[in-house]
Amino acid sequence: MKKAIFLDRDGTLIEDVKYLSSLNQIKIIPKMIEFCKRWQSMGYELFVITNQSGVARGYFDEEFVQETHKVLNKMLLEKNINVKAFYYCPHHPEFGTLGHYKKECECRKPNPGMLLSAAKEFNIDLKTSLMIGDSAHDVLAGKRAGCKSFLVKNIIENESFGGFDQ
């Protein structure tokens, strides 16, 4: 089985601009480049796990989310960072204006659905994997999936690779 680093997108891997509306707004957080390279060198596979309620709210469509991930992936590959897969949840239980997106689901963090899907699809050992995000929902999703979970600010501030830099 493989081990993985699950990364939230907005506010963790890229700067949070509150509902990305243009591909020009994608800016990788510089310190995360170093961390991602280090984690890869330690044998972790990288995955992006992100709630995208802007779809449910009608701010943008799933095609825009997918295009955002293509552009972000290209930017990361240019830095020799390989993201195995991007997972996103387009739902919201309350604020969805588009009917089929307004629902409770297992994929929306803090639920662990996206992590469990990645684990099944890529044969990942969740007990040796980490979830890193900028919110309590990210941390809780990781814990519910059986991962060790960290807030990105603690990793950046402490110059720590999640305690897995041994």
N, C-alpha and C. Protein backbone atom coordinates (compact mmCIF):
# COMPACT_ATOMS: atom_id res chain seq x y z
N MET A 1 0.84 -1.20 0.00
CA MET A 1 0.00 0.00 0.00
C MET A 1 0.88 1.26 0.00
N LYS A 2 0.32 2.30 -0.54
CA LYS A 2 1.05 3.57 -0.67
C LYS A 2 0.66 4.53 0.45
N LYS A 3 1.51 5.52 0.66
CA LYS A 3 1.19 6.58 1.62
C LYS A 3 0.99 7.87 0.84
N ALA A 4 0.14 8.74 1.40
CA ALA A 4 -0.25 9.95 0.67
C ALA A 4 -0.27 11.17 1.56
N ILE A 5 -0.10 12.31 0.92
CA ILE A 5 -0.36 13.61 1.53
C ILE A 5 -1.58 14.15 0.80
N PHE A 6 -2.65 14.38 1.56
CA PHE A 6 -3.86 14.99 1.02
C PHE A 6 -3.81 16.47 1.36
N LEU A 7 -3.88 17.31 0.33
CA LEU A 7 -3.79 18.75 0.52
C LEU A 7 -5.09 19.44 0.16
N ASP A 8 -5.57 20.28 1.06
CA ASP A 8 -6.65 21.18 0.70
C ASP A 8 -6.09 22.12 -0.37
N ARG A 9 -6.96 22.72 -1.16
CA ARG A 9 -6.48 23.59 -2.24
C ARG A 9 -6.38 25.05 -1.80
N ASP A 10 -7.52 25.70 -1.60
CA ASP A 10 -7.56 27.14 -1.32
C ASP A 10 -7.13 27.44 0.11
N GLY A 11 -6.08 28.23 0.25
CA GLY A 11 -5.57 28.58 1.57
C GLY A 11 -4.52 27.62 2.08
N THR A 12 -4.30 26.54 1.36
CA THR A 12 -3.29 25.57 1.74
C THR A 12 -2.25 25.43 0.64
N LEU A 13 -2.66 25.02 -0.51
CA LEU A 13 -1.75 24.87 -1.64
C LEU A 13 -1.64 26.16 -2.45
N ILE A 14 -2.79 26.82 -2.63
CA ILE A 14 -2.79 28.12 -3.33
C ILE A 14 -3.39 29.18 -2.43
N GLU A 15 -3.10 30.43 -2.77
CA GLU A 15 -3.65 31.54 -2.00
C GLU A 15 -5.17 31.53 -2.11
N ASP A 16 -5.83 31.79 -0.98
CA ASP A 16 -7.29 31.81 -0.95
C ASP A 16 -7.78 33.19 -1.37
N VAL A 17 -8.53 33.24 -2.48
CA VAL A 17 -9.07 34.51 -2.96
C VAL A 17 -10.59 34.56 -2.82
N LYS A 18 -11.14 33.64 -2.05
CA LYS A 18 -12.59 33.59 -1.81
C LYS A 18 -13.35 33.46 -3.13
N TYR A 19 -13.57 32.26 -3.54
CA TYR A 19 -14.28 31.94 -4.78
C TYR A 19 -13.51 32.43 -6.02
N LEU A 20 -12.51 31.67 -6.34
CA LEU A 20 -11.69 31.91 -7.53
C LEU A 20 -12.61 32.20 -8.72
N SER A 21 -12.34 33.26 -9.45
CA SER A 21 -13.19 33.61 -10.59
C SER A 21 -12.40 33.71 -11.89
N SER A 22 -11.08 33.62 -11.80
CA SER A 22 -10.23 33.71 -12.98
C SER A 22 -9.01 32.81 -12.79
N LEU A 23 -8.58 32.18 -13.85
CA LEU A 23 -7.40 31.32 -13.77
C LEU A 23 -6.15 32.12 -13.43
N ASN A 24 -6.17 33.41 -13.71
CA ASN A 24 -5.04 34.29 -13.37
C ASN A 24 -4.88 34.47 -11.87
N GLN A 25 -5.89 34.11 -11.10
CA GLN A 25 -5.82 34.24 -9.64
C GLN A 25 -5.09 33.08 -8.97
N ILE A 26 -4.75 32.06 -9.71
CA ILE A 26 -4.08 30.89 -9.12
C ILE A 26 -2.64 31.25 -8.78
N LYS A 27 -2.34 31.25 -7.50
CA LYS A 27 -0.99 31.55 -7.02
C LYS A 27 -0.61 30.50 -5.99
N ILE A 28 0.38 29.70 -6.30
CA ILE A 28 0.85 28.68 -5.36
C ILE A 28 1.52 29.36 -4.18
N ILE A 29 1.23 28.90 -2.98
CA ILE A 29 1.89 29.43 -1.79
C ILE A 29 3.35 28.94 -1.84
N PRO A 30 4.30 29.87 -1.93
CA PRO A 30 5.70 29.49 -2.17
C PRO A 30 6.24 28.42 -1.23
N LYS A 31 5.97 28.51 0.03
CA LYS A 31 6.51 27.54 1.00
C LYS A 31 5.99 26.13 0.70
N MET A 32 4.82 26.02 0.10
CA MET A 32 4.26 24.70 -0.17
C MET A 32 5.03 23.97 -1.27
N ILE A 33 5.70 24.71 -2.13
CA ILE A 33 6.52 24.07 -3.16
C ILE A 33 7.61 23.24 -2.49
N GLU A 34 8.29 23.86 -1.52
CA GLU A 34 9.35 23.17 -0.77
C GLU A 34 8.80 21.95 -0.05
N PHE A 35 7.67 22.13 0.63
CA PHE A 35 7.10 21.01 1.38
C PHE A 35 6.69 19.87 0.46
N CYS A 36 6.02 20.19 -0.64
CA CYS A 36 5.58 19.15 -1.57
C CYS A 36 6.76 18.36 -2.14
N LYS A 37 7.82 19.06 -2.50
CA LYS A 37 9.01 18.37 -3.01
C LYS A 37 9.59 17.45 -1.95
N ARG A 38 9.63 17.93 -0.73
CA ARG A 38 10.18 17.12 0.37
C ARG A 38 9.32 15.88 0.60
N TRP A 39 7.99 16.07 0.64
CA TRP A 39 7.11 14.92 0.86
C TRP A 39 7.25 13.90 -0.25
N GLN A 40 7.34 14.37 -1.49
CA GLN A 40 7.53 13.45 -2.62
C GLN A 40 8.83 12.66 -2.45
N SER A 41 9.89 13.34 -2.03
CA SER A 41 11.19 12.68 -1.87
C SER A 41 11.14 11.62 -0.77
N MET A 42 10.17 11.75 0.13
CA MET A 42 9.98 10.80 1.23
C MET A 42 9.03 9.66 0.84
N GLY A 43 8.59 9.65 -0.42
CA GLY A 43 7.75 8.57 -0.91
C GLY A 43 6.25 8.77 -0.80
N TYR A 44 5.83 9.96 -0.44
CA TYR A 44 4.39 10.25 -0.36
C TYR A 44 3.87 10.64 -1.74
N GLU A 45 2.68 10.16 -2.06
CA GLU A 45 1.98 10.61 -3.26
C GLU A 45 1.09 11.78 -2.86
N LEU A 46 0.96 12.77 -3.72
CA LEU A 46 0.21 13.98 -3.41
C LEU A 46 -1.16 13.97 -4.08
N PHE A 47 -2.15 14.41 -3.32
CA PHE A 47 -3.53 14.51 -3.79
C PHE A 47 -4.10 15.85 -3.33
N VAL A 48 -4.96 16.45 -4.14
CA VAL A 48 -5.66 17.66 -3.75
C VAL A 48 -7.10 17.28 -3.45
N ILE A 49 -7.57 17.71 -2.28
CA ILE A 49 -8.91 17.39 -1.78
C ILE A 49 -9.57 18.73 -1.44
N THR A 50 -10.61 19.13 -2.19
CA THR A 50 -11.14 20.48 -2.02
C THR A 50 -12.66 20.56 -2.10
N ASN A 51 -13.25 21.29 -1.18
CA ASN A 51 -14.66 21.65 -1.28
C ASN A 51 -14.78 22.81 -2.27
N GLN A 52 -15.71 22.72 -3.18
CA GLN A 52 -15.93 23.79 -4.15
C GLN A 52 -17.42 24.14 -4.20
N SER A 53 -17.91 24.71 -3.10
CA SER A 53 -19.33 25.05 -3.01
C SER A 53 -19.72 26.17 -3.96
N GLY A 54 -18.74 26.83 -4.56
CA GLY A 54 -19.05 27.84 -5.57
C GLY A 54 -19.85 27.27 -6.72
N VAL A 55 -19.70 25.97 -6.98
CA VAL A 55 -20.50 25.30 -8.01
C VAL A 55 -21.96 25.30 -7.58
N ALA A 56 -22.23 24.82 -6.36
CA ALA A 56 -23.60 24.76 -5.85
C ALA A 56 -24.23 26.14 -5.76
N ARG A 57 -23.42 27.12 -5.45
CA ARG A 57 -23.91 28.49 -5.29
C ARG A 57 -24.12 29.20 -6.63
N GLY A 58 -23.67 28.58 -7.73
CA GLY A 58 -23.83 29.17 -9.04
C GLY A 58 -22.76 30.18 -9.40
N TYR A 59 -21.66 30.25 -8.65
CA TYR A 59 -20.59 31.21 -8.94
C TYR A 59 -19.76 30.77 -10.14
N PHE A 60 -19.60 29.46 -10.31
CA PHE A 60 -18.87 28.89 -11.44
C PHE A 60 -19.33 27.46 -11.62
N ASP A 61 -18.97 26.85 -12.74
CA ASP A 61 -19.41 25.49 -13.01
C ASP A 61 -18.27 24.48 -12.79
N GLU A 62 -18.62 23.21 -12.89
CA GLU A 62 -17.62 22.16 -12.69
C GLU A 62 -16.52 22.22 -13.74
N GLU A 63 -16.86 22.66 -14.93
CA GLU A 63 -15.85 22.79 -15.98
C GLU A 63 -14.76 23.78 -15.55
N PHE A 64 -15.14 24.87 -14.89
CA PHE A 64 -14.16 25.84 -14.40
C PHE A 64 -13.28 25.21 -13.32
N VAL A 65 -13.85 24.43 -12.43
CA VAL A 65 -13.06 23.74 -11.39
C VAL A 65 -12.05 22.81 -12.06
N GLN A 66 -12.50 22.05 -13.03
CA GLN A 66 -11.60 21.12 -13.73
C GLN A 66 -10.51 21.85 -14.49
N GLU A 67 -10.85 22.96 -15.13
CA GLU A 67 -9.84 23.76 -15.83
C GLU A 67 -8.85 24.36 -14.83
N THR A 68 -9.34 24.81 -13.69
CA THR A 68 -8.46 25.32 -12.63
C THR A 68 -7.46 24.25 -12.22
N HIS A 69 -7.93 23.03 -12.08
CA HIS A 69 -7.04 21.94 -11.68
C HIS A 69 -6.02 21.61 -12.76
N LYS A 70 -6.42 21.71 -14.01
CA LYS A 70 -5.46 21.49 -15.12
C LYS A 70 -4.35 22.54 -15.08
N VAL A 71 -4.73 23.79 -14.91
CA VAL A 71 -3.76 24.88 -14.86
C VAL A 71 -2.85 24.73 -13.64
N LEU A 72 -3.45 24.45 -12.49
CA LEU A 72 -2.66 24.26 -11.26
C LEU A 72 -1.71 23.08 -11.42
N ASN A 73 -2.20 22.01 -11.99
CA ASN A 73 -1.35 20.83 -12.19
C ASN A 73 -0.15 21.16 -13.08
N LYS A 74 -0.40 21.92 -14.14
CA LYS A 74 0.68 22.33 -15.03
C LYS A 74 1.71 23.19 -14.28
N MET A 75 1.23 24.11 -13.47
CA MET A 75 2.12 24.95 -12.68
C MET A 75 2.97 24.11 -11.72
N LEU A 76 2.35 23.12 -11.11
CA LEU A 76 3.07 22.26 -10.17
C LEU A 76 4.08 21.37 -10.89
N LEU A 77 3.69 20.82 -12.03
CA LEU A 77 4.62 19.99 -12.81
C LEU A 77 5.86 20.78 -13.22
N GLU A 78 5.68 22.06 -13.53
CA GLU A 78 6.82 22.91 -13.86
C GLU A 78 7.79 23.04 -12.69
N LYS A 79 7.30 22.80 -11.48
CA LYS A 79 8.13 22.84 -10.26
C LYS A 79 8.53 21.43 -9.83
N ASN A 80 8.31 20.45 -10.71
CA ASN A 80 8.62 19.04 -10.42
C ASN A 80 7.80 18.47 -9.27
N ILE A 81 6.56 18.92 -9.19
CA ILE A 81 5.62 18.40 -8.19
C ILE A 81 4.52 17.67 -8.94
N ASN A 82 4.32 16.41 -8.59
CA ASN A 82 3.36 15.56 -9.28
C ASN A 82 2.16 15.27 -8.37
N VAL A 83 1.03 15.84 -8.71
CA VAL A 83 -0.21 15.54 -7.99
C VAL A 83 -0.86 14.35 -8.69
N LYS A 84 -1.09 13.28 -7.96
CA LYS A 84 -1.67 12.07 -8.54
C LYS A 84 -3.09 12.31 -9.04
N ALA A 85 -3.89 13.04 -8.24
CA ALA A 85 -5.28 13.29 -8.62
C ALA A 85 -5.84 14.46 -7.82
N PHE A 86 -6.84 15.09 -8.42
CA PHE A 86 -7.58 16.18 -7.78
C PHE A 86 -8.99 15.67 -7.51
N TYR A 87 -9.46 15.85 -6.30
CA TYR A 87 -10.83 15.50 -5.93
C TYR A 87 -11.52 16.77 -5.44
N TYR A 88 -12.76 16.95 -5.85
CA TYR A 88 -13.50 18.12 -5.38
C TYR A 88 -14.95 17.76 -5.11
N CYS A 89 -15.54 18.50 -4.18
CA CYS A 89 -16.96 18.34 -3.87
C CYS A 89 -17.67 19.61 -4.32
N PRO A 90 -18.63 19.50 -5.26
CA PRO A 90 -19.36 20.67 -5.75
C PRO A 90 -20.63 20.98 -4.95
N HIS A 91 -20.89 20.21 -3.90
CA HIS A 91 -22.17 20.31 -3.18
C HIS A 91 -22.13 21.29 -2.01
N HIS A 92 -23.31 21.67 -1.58
CA HIS A 92 -23.48 22.41 -0.32
C HIS A 92 -24.88 22.08 0.20
N PRO A 93 -24.98 21.76 1.49
CA PRO A 93 -26.29 21.35 2.03
C PRO A 93 -27.31 22.47 2.16
N GLU A 94 -26.87 23.72 2.29
CA GLU A 94 -27.78 24.83 2.51
C GLU A 94 -27.85 25.84 1.37
N PHE A 95 -26.69 26.20 0.85
CA PHE A 95 -26.62 27.36 -0.02
C PHE A 95 -26.64 27.05 -1.50
N GLY A 96 -26.91 25.82 -1.86
CA GLY A 96 -26.94 25.48 -3.27
C GLY A 96 -28.10 26.12 -3.99
N THR A 97 -27.81 26.81 -5.07
CA THR A 97 -28.89 27.40 -5.88
C THR A 97 -29.24 26.49 -7.04
N LEU A 98 -28.35 25.56 -7.35
CA LEU A 98 -28.60 24.59 -8.40
C LEU A 98 -29.06 23.29 -7.74
N GLY A 99 -30.29 22.89 -8.00
CA GLY A 99 -30.95 21.80 -7.31
C GLY A 99 -30.13 20.56 -6.99
N HIS A 100 -29.51 19.94 -7.98
CA HIS A 100 -28.83 18.68 -7.74
C HIS A 100 -27.52 18.85 -6.97
N TYR A 101 -27.07 20.07 -6.77
CA TYR A 101 -25.85 20.33 -5.98
C TYR A 101 -26.18 20.66 -4.53
N LYS A 102 -27.44 20.98 -4.26
CA LYS A 102 -27.84 21.32 -2.89
C LYS A 102 -28.22 20.04 -2.17
N LYS A 103 -27.24 19.49 -1.44
CA LYS A 103 -27.50 18.23 -0.74
C LYS A 103 -26.41 17.93 0.27
N GLU A 104 -26.76 17.09 1.21
CA GLU A 104 -25.79 16.50 2.14
C GLU A 104 -25.08 15.40 1.35
N CYS A 105 -23.78 15.28 1.55
CA CYS A 105 -23.05 14.24 0.83
C CYS A 105 -21.89 13.75 1.67
N GLU A 106 -21.31 12.67 1.25
CA GLU A 106 -20.15 12.12 1.95
C GLU A 106 -18.84 12.72 1.47
N CYS A 107 -18.88 13.44 0.36
CA CYS A 107 -17.63 13.99 -0.17
C CYS A 107 -17.28 15.35 0.42
N ARG A 108 -18.25 16.09 0.90
CA ARG A 108 -17.97 17.43 1.43
C ARG A 108 -17.27 17.34 2.78
N LYS A 109 -16.07 17.93 2.86
CA LYS A 109 -15.37 17.97 4.14
C LYS A 109 -16.22 18.75 5.13
N PRO A 110 -16.38 18.31 6.34
CA PRO A 110 -15.51 17.42 7.10
C PRO A 110 -15.76 15.93 6.92
N ASN A 111 -16.65 15.55 6.02
CA ASN A 111 -16.82 14.12 5.75
C ASN A 111 -15.60 13.60 4.99
N PRO A 112 -15.29 12.33 5.14
CA PRO A 112 -14.05 11.80 4.56
C PRO A 112 -14.16 11.23 3.16
N GLY A 113 -15.28 11.42 2.49
CA GLY A 113 -15.54 10.75 1.21
C GLY A 113 -14.47 10.88 0.15
N MET A 114 -13.93 12.08 -0.03
CA MET A 114 -12.91 12.25 -1.08
C MET A 114 -11.63 11.48 -0.74
N LEU A 115 -11.26 11.48 0.52
CA LEU A 115 -10.05 10.75 0.94
C LEU A 115 -10.27 9.24 0.79
N LEU A 116 -11.46 8.78 1.16
CA LEU A 116 -11.76 7.36 1.04
C LEU A 116 -11.79 6.92 -0.43
N SER A 117 -12.30 7.78 -1.29
CA SER A 117 -12.30 7.47 -2.72
C SER A 117 -10.88 7.36 -3.26
N ALA A 118 -10.03 8.31 -2.88
CA ALA A 118 -8.63 8.27 -3.34
C ALA A 118 -7.93 7.02 -2.81
N ALA A 119 -8.19 6.70 -1.55
CA ALA A 119 -7.55 5.52 -0.95
C ALA A 119 -7.93 4.25 -1.70
N LYS A 120 -9.20 4.14 -2.04
CA LYS A 120 -9.67 2.96 -2.77
C LYS A 120 -9.10 2.93 -4.19
N GLU A 121 -9.15 4.07 -4.87
CA GLU A 121 -8.71 4.14 -6.26
C GLU A 121 -7.20 3.94 -6.43
N PHE A 122 -6.41 4.41 -5.44
CA PHE A 122 -4.95 4.37 -5.57
C PHE A 122 -4.25 3.46 -4.57
N ASN A 123 -5.02 2.63 -3.85
CA ASN A 123 -4.44 1.68 -2.90
C ASN A 123 -3.58 2.37 -1.85
N ILE A 124 -4.17 3.32 -1.15
CA ILE A 124 -3.47 4.13 -0.16
C ILE A 124 -3.77 3.64 1.24
N ASP A 125 -2.73 3.57 2.05
CA ASP A 125 -2.85 3.24 3.46
C ASP A 125 -3.12 4.54 4.21
N LEU A 126 -4.34 4.74 4.64
CA LEU A 126 -4.72 5.99 5.29
C LEU A 126 -4.02 6.18 6.64
N LYS A 127 -3.65 5.11 7.31
CA LYS A 127 -2.99 5.24 8.61
C LYS A 127 -1.59 5.82 8.50
N THR A 128 -0.97 5.70 7.34
CA THR A 128 0.37 6.27 7.15
C THR A 128 0.32 7.54 6.31
N SER A 129 -0.87 8.06 6.11
CA SER A 129 -1.07 9.24 5.27
C SER A 129 -1.43 10.46 6.12
N LEU A 130 -1.34 11.64 5.51
CA LEU A 130 -1.62 12.89 6.20
C LEU A 130 -2.62 13.73 5.42
N MET A 131 -3.44 14.47 6.15
CA MET A 131 -4.33 15.48 5.57
C MET A 131 -3.84 16.82 6.07
N ILE A 132 -3.65 17.76 5.15
CA ILE A 132 -3.16 19.09 5.52
C ILE A 132 -4.12 20.12 4.93
N GLY A 133 -4.61 21.00 5.80
CA GLY A 133 -5.54 22.02 5.35
C GLY A 133 -5.48 23.26 6.20
N ASP A 134 -6.35 24.20 5.87
CA ASP A 134 -6.35 25.48 6.60
C ASP A 134 -7.58 25.65 7.48
N SER A 135 -8.37 24.60 7.64
CA SER A 135 -9.58 24.73 8.47
C SER A 135 -9.81 23.49 9.31
N ALA A 136 -10.66 23.66 10.30
CA ALA A 136 -11.03 22.53 11.15
C ALA A 136 -11.73 21.44 10.33
N HIS A 137 -12.47 21.83 9.30
CA HIS A 137 -13.13 20.83 8.44
C HIS A 137 -12.11 19.94 7.74
N ASP A 138 -11.00 20.52 7.31
CA ASP A 138 -9.95 19.73 6.66
C ASP A 138 -9.36 18.73 7.65
N VAL A 139 -9.03 19.21 8.82
CA VAL A 139 -8.42 18.36 9.85
C VAL A 139 -9.38 17.23 10.23
N LEU A 140 -10.65 17.56 10.41
CA LEU A 140 -11.63 16.56 10.80
C LEU A 140 -11.85 15.52 9.70
N ALA A 141 -11.87 15.94 8.46
CA ALA A 141 -12.01 14.99 7.35
C ALA A 141 -10.87 13.99 7.37
N GLY A 142 -9.65 14.47 7.57
CA GLY A 142 -8.50 13.59 7.66
C GLY A 142 -8.61 12.61 8.81
N LYS A 143 -9.00 13.11 9.97
CA LYS A 143 -9.14 12.24 11.14
C LYS A 143 -10.22 11.19 10.91
N ARG A 144 -11.33 11.60 10.33
CA ARG A 144 -12.42 10.66 10.07
C ARG A 144 -12.01 9.58 9.07
N ALA A 145 -11.06 9.91 8.19
CA ALA A 145 -10.57 8.93 7.22
C ALA A 145 -9.49 8.03 7.82
N GLY A 146 -8.98 8.42 8.98
CA GLY A 146 -7.94 7.62 9.63
C GLY A 146 -6.54 8.14 9.41
N CYS A 147 -6.42 9.37 8.90
CA CYS A 147 -5.10 9.99 8.66
C CYS A 147 -4.69 10.83 9.86
N LYS A 148 -3.41 11.14 9.91
CA LYS A 148 -2.94 12.20 10.79
C LYS A 148 -3.25 13.49 10.07
N SER A 149 -3.69 14.50 10.81
CA SER A 149 -4.13 15.74 10.19
C SER A 149 -3.45 16.94 10.82
N PHE A 150 -3.16 17.93 9.99
CA PHE A 150 -2.45 19.12 10.44
C PHE A 150 -3.02 20.37 9.79
N LEU A 151 -2.95 21.47 10.52
CA LEU A 151 -3.25 22.77 9.93
C LEU A 151 -1.99 23.26 9.23
N VAL A 152 -2.14 23.76 8.03
CA VAL A 152 -1.00 24.20 7.23
C VAL A 152 -0.22 25.31 7.94
N LYS A 153 -0.90 26.19 8.66
CA LYS A 153 -0.19 27.29 9.32
C LYS A 153 0.81 26.75 10.34
N ASN A 154 0.47 25.65 11.01
CA ASN A 154 1.40 25.07 11.98
C ASN A 154 2.62 24.48 11.30
N ILE A 155 2.43 23.89 10.16
CA ILE A 155 3.54 23.30 9.41
C ILE A 155 4.46 24.41 8.90
N ILE A 156 3.89 25.46 8.34
CA ILE A 156 4.69 26.56 7.79
C ILE A 156 5.41 27.31 8.92
N GLU A 157 4.68 27.64 9.98
CA GLU A 157 5.28 28.40 11.08
C GLU A 157 6.40 27.63 11.78
N ASN A 158 6.24 26.33 11.90
CA ASN A 158 7.22 25.52 12.62
C ASN A 158 8.28 24.92 11.71
N GLU A 159 8.19 25.24 10.40
CA GLU A 159 9.14 24.66 9.44
C GLU A 159 9.19 23.15 9.58
N SER A 160 8.04 22.57 9.88
CA SER A 160 7.95 21.14 10.11
C SER A 160 7.28 20.47 8.93
N PHE A 161 7.74 19.31 8.59
CA PHE A 161 7.12 18.57 7.50
C PHE A 161 6.10 17.60 8.06
N GLY A 162 5.32 18.07 9.02
CA GLY A 162 4.27 17.26 9.60
C GLY A 162 4.80 16.16 10.49
N GLY A 163 6.01 16.33 10.99
CA GLY A 163 6.58 15.31 11.87
C GLY A 163 7.00 14.06 11.10
N PHE A 164 6.95 14.12 9.78
CA PHE A 164 7.30 12.96 8.97
C PHE A 164 8.60 13.20 8.21
N ASP A 165 9.46 14.05 8.78
CA ASP A 165 10.69 14.37 8.08
C ASP A 165 11.88 13.59 8.63
N GLN A 166 11.61 12.50 9.27
CA GLN A 166 12.69 11.66 9.80
C GLN A 166 13.20 10.73 8.73
